Structure formats: C-alpha cells, structure tokens
Amino acid sequence: MASSDPVYLRVVADIRRQIVDGSLPPGAPIPSRAQLTRKYGVGETAARHALRVLAAEGLIVGRVGSGHYVRATPVLLPLHRWRFHDHHAPFGADIQSQGTRATWEWRAEHTEAPPGIAQRLRLDESAPVTRVRYVFRGDGKPVQLATSYEPAGFGEPAAEESPRGLISRLSALGIKVTEIVEHVYTRVPQPTESDVLALPAGVHVLHVERTHWAGDRPVETSDIVIPGDRFRLVYNHPL
C-alpha cells in the first residue's frame, strides 16, 4: 500500500489476502478490534474501519456478542428462467423442483403507474395499473421479492392461495403473449430489501426487469429482486 493510504487499508489488505489464500478459512474468527490494534500498530478507529470495510465487501460477518468470522462462500442455486414460465409461480416451481419447500404471499392493489413503469408499459404517466407485490419463501425464509404491474382492465389474480398464471389469464382474455424480455443487472439492495431478505452486509442483489409482450404491446412488467449470494440465473437458448 502507498504510504499516503489510510492505515486501516493496510489491515484490510492483509486480512483480505489471508481470506483469499485460505490462511483464514470459512468460519475462522477475525481478531477483535483490540487484537488488531496490537498486531498492526493502529488505533481503534482504524481497526473499526477495517472491520467495516471487510464486512461491506462480504468477506466477514459479525455475530452479536461473538465477534467477526470469515464468511463461507455460498453455493449458488440455479434458477431456470424459462422452464416454468407458464406456472402460476415460476420461481416457486423452480426451487420446489430442487427439493425446497416453496411458499409465497401476495397483495394486489389498484394504483397509478410511476413514470418508469408507465414508460415500460407504454402508458400515459399516472395511468391506472394493477400492482401485485410478492414475497417468495424457500423453506420458510424469504428468497425473492417481485412487484408486477399490468394495465388496468386485465383483471386481478384470483383470490385464492396462489395467483393464476399470467399467460393463461391473458390468453382467456384473447391476449396472446408472444415474447418475454428480461434485463438483468446487479445493484446495492435497498434497506427494506436487505431487511426482508436478511442479506449480509456487502451482498448485492440481482435485479430482473421482466416484460411480457403481446406483439408490439407490453402487457405486464415486473421488478424481481433475487439475493446475489444465493442464486444464479440460468437461460436456455434452443436452436
């Protein structure tokens, strides 16, 4: 490290190196602030900053009353985006096929389209839409959030345990979905998303903007939020 760099970065660099090369394996305890100050000859403020940076990078996790530990590298479960596209809950069907019990809750409401959603649905700003919020759980733990928007007039998901499949419901209205387009990117989670999904510090989310099209007309668009440390997205392209 350059001599002009803050002293806490020296601590971060050394602990990061030990985690990467395996000297500190998953689950290994990280020295306390007091131990860091003695080992590296830095002040307590620098030691606290170093621990904060390592946690933000997702390399260590803190446990109340116990200290910090090397975070285990998670096994990423595959999410097959098209395998269950016409299921009433594609995500639930996918993780259930992998032996995880899937449950979900949802709430529909009438509202006005926010500017970005109006643009994606090619509607006038503040046009009436139906918004449905979902929380999906795997073995009882929240694992995905989704918010769906449809132009008003398409009806709502049935008032039963799970909503009907979007494609089937639109087909019953004479609307044939011809294409599904997804834009995927990573981002820092919002505080409420971190709370609901119980995300460790430093973990980003995968954000999927999904839009169903009927010809040249968008008929539904969703924002899907997936923990980046638990899942990987799988797309098949048949030739």
Protein backbone atom coordinates (compact mmCIF):
# COMPACT_ATOMS: atom_id res chain seq x y z
CA MET A 1 0.00 0.00 0.00
CA ALA A 2 1.19 3.53 -0.71
CA SER A 3 2.39 5.33 2.39
CA SER A 4 -0.25 8.02 1.83
CA ASP A 5 -3.09 5.49 2.08
CA PRO A 6 -5.14 5.40 5.31
CA VAL A 7 -3.58 2.99 7.80
CA TYR A 8 -6.77 0.91 8.08
CA LEU A 9 -6.35 -0.15 4.43
CA ARG A 10 -3.16 -1.95 5.42
CA VAL A 11 -5.18 -4.04 7.85
CA VAL A 12 -7.88 -4.66 5.23
CA ALA A 13 -5.34 -5.74 2.62
CA ASP A 14 -3.61 -8.22 4.93
CA ILE A 15 -6.80 -9.86 6.22
CA ARG A 16 -8.25 -9.95 2.71
CA ARG A 17 -5.09 -11.72 1.49
CA GLN A 18 -5.37 -14.32 4.26
CA ILE A 19 -9.02 -15.00 3.40
CA VAL A 20 -8.30 -15.31 -0.32
CA ASP A 21 -5.29 -17.62 0.05
CA GLY A 22 -7.04 -19.79 2.65
CA SER A 23 -4.91 -18.88 5.65
CA LEU A 24 -8.19 -17.80 7.24
CA PRO A 25 -10.71 -20.46 6.15
CA PRO A 26 -14.51 -20.05 6.22
CA GLY A 27 -15.76 -19.78 9.78
CA ALA A 28 -12.39 -18.72 11.19
CA PRO A 29 -12.57 -15.92 13.78
CA ILE A 30 -11.24 -12.49 12.89
CA PRO A 31 -9.14 -10.71 15.53
CA SER A 32 -11.07 -8.27 17.68
CA ARG A 33 -10.51 -4.52 17.46
CA ALA A 34 -8.18 -4.66 20.44
CA GLN A 35 -6.19 -7.51 18.88
CA LEU A 36 -5.96 -5.65 15.56
CA THR A 37 -4.61 -2.54 17.23
CA ARG A 38 -1.84 -4.55 18.90
CA LYS A 39 -1.00 -6.70 15.87
CA TYR A 40 -0.87 -3.93 13.28
CA GLY A 41 0.05 -1.00 15.49
CA VAL A 42 -3.02 1.05 14.55
CA GLY A 43 -5.61 2.91 16.56
CA GLU A 44 -9.01 1.57 17.50
CA THR A 45 -10.71 3.80 14.94
CA ALA A 46 -8.58 2.30 12.15
CA ALA A 47 -9.33 -1.22 13.39
CA ARG A 48 -13.07 -0.46 13.43
CA HIS A 49 -12.90 0.95 9.87
CA ALA A 50 -11.02 -2.14 8.67
CA LEU A 51 -13.67 -4.49 10.04
CA ARG A 52 -16.40 -2.35 8.50
CA VAL A 53 -14.75 -2.48 5.06
CA LEU A 54 -14.26 -6.24 5.18
CA ALA A 55 -17.90 -6.72 6.17
CA ALA A 56 -19.03 -4.40 3.37
CA GLU A 57 -17.02 -6.50 0.90
CA GLY A 58 -18.88 -9.59 2.10
CA LEU A 59 -15.69 -11.27 3.34
CA ILE A 60 -16.60 -11.39 7.02
CA VAL A 61 -19.81 -11.47 9.05
CA GLY A 62 -20.43 -10.13 12.52
CA ARG A 63 -22.23 -12.08 15.24
CA VAL A 64 -23.66 -10.16 18.15
CA GLY A 65 -21.65 -10.78 21.30
CA SER A 66 -19.25 -13.10 19.48
CA GLY A 67 -17.16 -11.04 17.05
CA HIS A 68 -16.42 -11.38 13.35
CA TYR A 69 -15.84 -14.54 11.30
CA VAL A 70 -14.79 -15.38 7.76
CA ARG A 71 -17.91 -15.70 5.67
CA ALA A 72 -18.38 -19.06 3.96
CA THR A 73 -18.62 -18.98 0.18
CA PRO A 74 -22.25 -19.86 -0.56
CA VAL A 75 -23.34 -22.48 -3.07
CA LEU A 76 -25.37 -20.69 -5.73
CA LEU A 77 -28.61 -22.47 -6.59
CA PRO A 78 -29.67 -22.31 -10.26
CA LEU A 79 -32.86 -20.51 -11.24
CA HIS A 80 -34.06 -21.65 -14.67
CA ARG A 81 -35.82 -18.63 -16.08
CA TRP A 82 -37.89 -20.34 -18.77
CA ARG A 83 -38.52 -23.87 -17.51
CA PHE A 84 -41.74 -22.97 -15.68
CA HIS A 85 -42.72 -19.75 -17.48
CA ASP A 86 -46.46 -20.59 -17.53
CA HIS A 87 -46.65 -21.91 -13.99
CA HIS A 88 -48.72 -19.80 -11.59
CA ALA A 89 -45.47 -19.15 -9.68
CA PRO A 90 -42.41 -19.97 -11.86
CA PHE A 91 -39.89 -19.20 -9.12
CA GLY A 92 -41.75 -21.36 -6.62
CA ALA A 93 -41.96 -24.24 -9.09
CA ASP A 94 -38.24 -23.98 -9.83
CA ILE A 95 -36.95 -24.08 -6.27
CA GLN A 96 -39.54 -26.72 -5.38
CA SER A 97 -38.11 -28.94 -8.14
CA GLN A 98 -34.78 -28.71 -6.29
CA GLY A 99 -36.23 -30.08 -3.06
CA THR A 100 -37.00 -26.76 -1.36
CA ARG A 101 -40.48 -26.13 0.00
CA ALA A 102 -41.84 -23.05 -1.74
CA THR A 103 -44.49 -20.73 -0.34
CA TRP A 104 -45.44 -17.17 -1.21
CA GLU A 105 -47.71 -14.34 -0.24
CA TRP A 106 -49.01 -11.58 -2.48
CA ARG A 107 -51.16 -8.48 -2.40
CA ALA A 108 -52.86 -6.78 -5.36
CA GLU A 109 -53.90 -3.14 -5.46
CA HIS A 110 -55.03 -0.50 -7.95
CA THR A 111 -52.67 2.44 -8.31
CA GLU A 112 -51.20 4.91 -10.81
CA ALA A 113 -48.23 3.96 -12.95
CA PRO A 114 -44.95 5.53 -11.75
CA PRO A 115 -43.02 7.30 -14.56
CA GLY A 116 -40.60 4.42 -15.22
CA ILE A 117 -43.35 1.80 -15.22
CA ALA A 118 -45.54 3.92 -17.50
CA GLN A 119 -42.65 4.09 -19.95
CA ARG A 120 -42.10 0.33 -19.85
CA LEU A 121 -45.83 -0.34 -20.41
CA ARG A 122 -46.15 2.46 -22.99
CA LEU A 123 -48.84 4.14 -20.93
CA ASP A 124 -49.51 7.76 -20.08
CA GLU A 125 -47.89 8.80 -16.84
CA SER A 126 -50.17 8.11 -13.85
CA ALA A 127 -52.34 5.78 -15.96
CA PRO A 128 -54.28 3.24 -13.85
CA VAL A 129 -52.49 -0.07 -13.32
CA THR A 130 -52.81 -3.15 -11.15
CA ARG A 131 -49.78 -3.67 -8.91
CA VAL A 132 -49.10 -7.02 -7.27
CA ARG A 133 -46.37 -7.41 -4.65
CA TYR A 134 -44.95 -10.88 -3.93
CA VAL A 135 -42.70 -12.35 -1.25
CA PHE A 136 -41.46 -15.85 -2.10
CA ARG A 137 -40.07 -18.14 0.57
CA GLY A 138 -37.92 -21.26 0.45
CA ASP A 139 -38.32 -23.50 3.49
CA GLY A 140 -39.93 -20.56 5.27
CA LYS A 141 -37.18 -17.99 4.56
CA PRO A 142 -37.73 -15.05 2.15
CA VAL A 143 -35.69 -15.68 -1.01
CA GLN A 144 -37.22 -13.43 -3.69
CA LEU A 145 -39.23 -10.23 -3.97
CA ALA A 146 -41.27 -9.22 -7.01
CA THR A 147 -43.53 -6.34 -7.96
CA SER A 148 -45.70 -6.76 -11.06
CA TYR A 149 -47.59 -4.09 -12.98
CA GLU A 150 -50.35 -4.58 -15.55
CA PRO A 151 -52.57 -2.04 -17.33
CA ALA A 152 -55.92 -1.75 -15.58
CA GLY A 153 -58.63 -3.87 -17.16
CA PHE A 154 -56.84 -7.21 -17.39
CA GLY A 155 -58.40 -8.42 -14.15
CA GLU A 156 -56.57 -9.46 -11.00
CA PRO A 157 -55.06 -12.73 -9.82
CA ALA A 158 -57.75 -14.97 -8.38
CA ALA A 159 -58.43 -14.51 -4.67
CA GLU A 160 -57.06 -17.93 -3.74
CA GLU A 161 -53.86 -19.32 -2.29
CA SER A 162 -51.81 -18.54 -5.39
CA PRO A 163 -52.39 -16.34 -8.43
CA ARG A 164 -53.21 -17.89 -11.80
CA GLY A 165 -50.53 -17.94 -14.44
CA LEU A 166 -50.28 -14.60 -16.22
CA ILE A 167 -50.04 -16.15 -19.68
CA SER A 168 -53.09 -18.35 -19.10
CA ARG A 169 -55.10 -15.47 -17.65
CA LEU A 170 -54.30 -13.17 -20.57
CA SER A 171 -55.00 -15.95 -23.05
CA ALA A 172 -58.50 -16.30 -21.57
CA LEU A 173 -58.95 -12.60 -22.39
CA GLY A 174 -57.88 -13.15 -26.01
CA ILE A 175 -54.37 -11.72 -25.46
CA LYS A 176 -51.55 -13.96 -26.69
CA VAL A 177 -48.15 -13.38 -25.10
CA THR A 178 -45.54 -13.69 -27.87
CA GLU A 179 -42.31 -12.72 -26.11
CA ILE A 180 -40.78 -12.29 -22.66
CA VAL A 181 -37.85 -9.88 -22.35
CA GLU A 182 -35.60 -9.69 -19.30
CA HIS A 183 -32.95 -7.13 -18.43
CA VAL A 184 -30.66 -8.30 -15.61
CA TYR A 185 -28.25 -6.20 -13.57
CA THR A 186 -26.74 -6.11 -10.10
CA ARG A 187 -27.20 -3.30 -7.61
CA VAL A 188 -26.94 -2.41 -3.95
CA PRO A 189 -30.11 -3.53 -2.14
CA GLN A 190 -32.49 -1.01 -0.65
CA PRO A 191 -32.68 -1.12 3.18
CA THR A 192 -36.13 -2.73 3.16
CA GLU A 193 -34.90 -5.41 0.74
CA SER A 194 -31.91 -6.15 2.95
CA ASP A 195 -34.20 -6.49 5.95
CA VAL A 196 -36.78 -8.75 4.30
CA LEU A 197 -34.22 -10.98 2.57
CA ALA A 198 -31.83 -10.96 5.57
CA LEU A 199 -28.88 -10.01 3.37
CA PRO A 200 -25.40 -9.84 4.94
CA ALA A 201 -23.51 -6.57 4.55
CA GLY A 202 -21.77 -6.25 1.19
CA VAL A 203 -24.14 -8.58 -0.70
CA HIS A 204 -25.71 -7.17 -3.86
CA VAL A 205 -28.96 -8.29 -5.43
CA LEU A 206 -29.80 -9.42 -8.94
CA HIS A 207 -32.49 -7.16 -10.35
CA VAL A 208 -34.54 -8.57 -13.21
CA GLU A 209 -36.75 -6.24 -15.24
CA ARG A 210 -39.15 -8.63 -16.97
CA THR A 211 -41.75 -7.59 -19.53
CA HIS A 212 -44.38 -9.74 -21.25
CA TRP A 213 -45.22 -8.64 -24.80
CA ALA A 214 -48.22 -9.39 -26.99
CA GLY A 215 -46.86 -8.50 -30.41
CA ASP A 216 -45.62 -4.92 -30.12
CA ARG A 217 -47.65 -4.24 -26.98
CA PRO A 218 -46.25 -4.64 -23.45
CA VAL A 219 -48.93 -6.24 -21.27
CA GLU A 220 -47.05 -6.73 -17.99
CA THR A 221 -43.77 -5.66 -16.44
CA SER A 222 -42.12 -6.77 -13.21
CA ASP A 223 -39.20 -5.88 -10.98
CA ILE A 224 -37.77 -9.07 -9.49
CA VAL A 225 -35.18 -8.94 -6.71
CA ILE A 226 -33.01 -12.00 -6.04
CA PRO A 227 -30.19 -12.37 -3.46
CA GLY A 228 -26.91 -12.34 -5.35
CA ASP A 229 -25.22 -14.63 -2.84
CA ARG A 230 -27.75 -17.47 -3.09
CA PHE A 231 -28.80 -17.88 -6.72
CA ARG A 232 -27.52 -17.82 -10.29
CA LEU A 233 -29.80 -17.29 -13.28
CA VAL A 234 -29.86 -19.95 -16.00
CA TYR A 235 -31.11 -19.18 -19.51
CA ASN A 236 -31.58 -21.80 -22.21
CA HIS A 237 -31.45 -20.85 -25.88
CA PRO A 238 -32.84 -23.71 -28.00
CA LEU A 239 -31.53 -23.73 -31.57
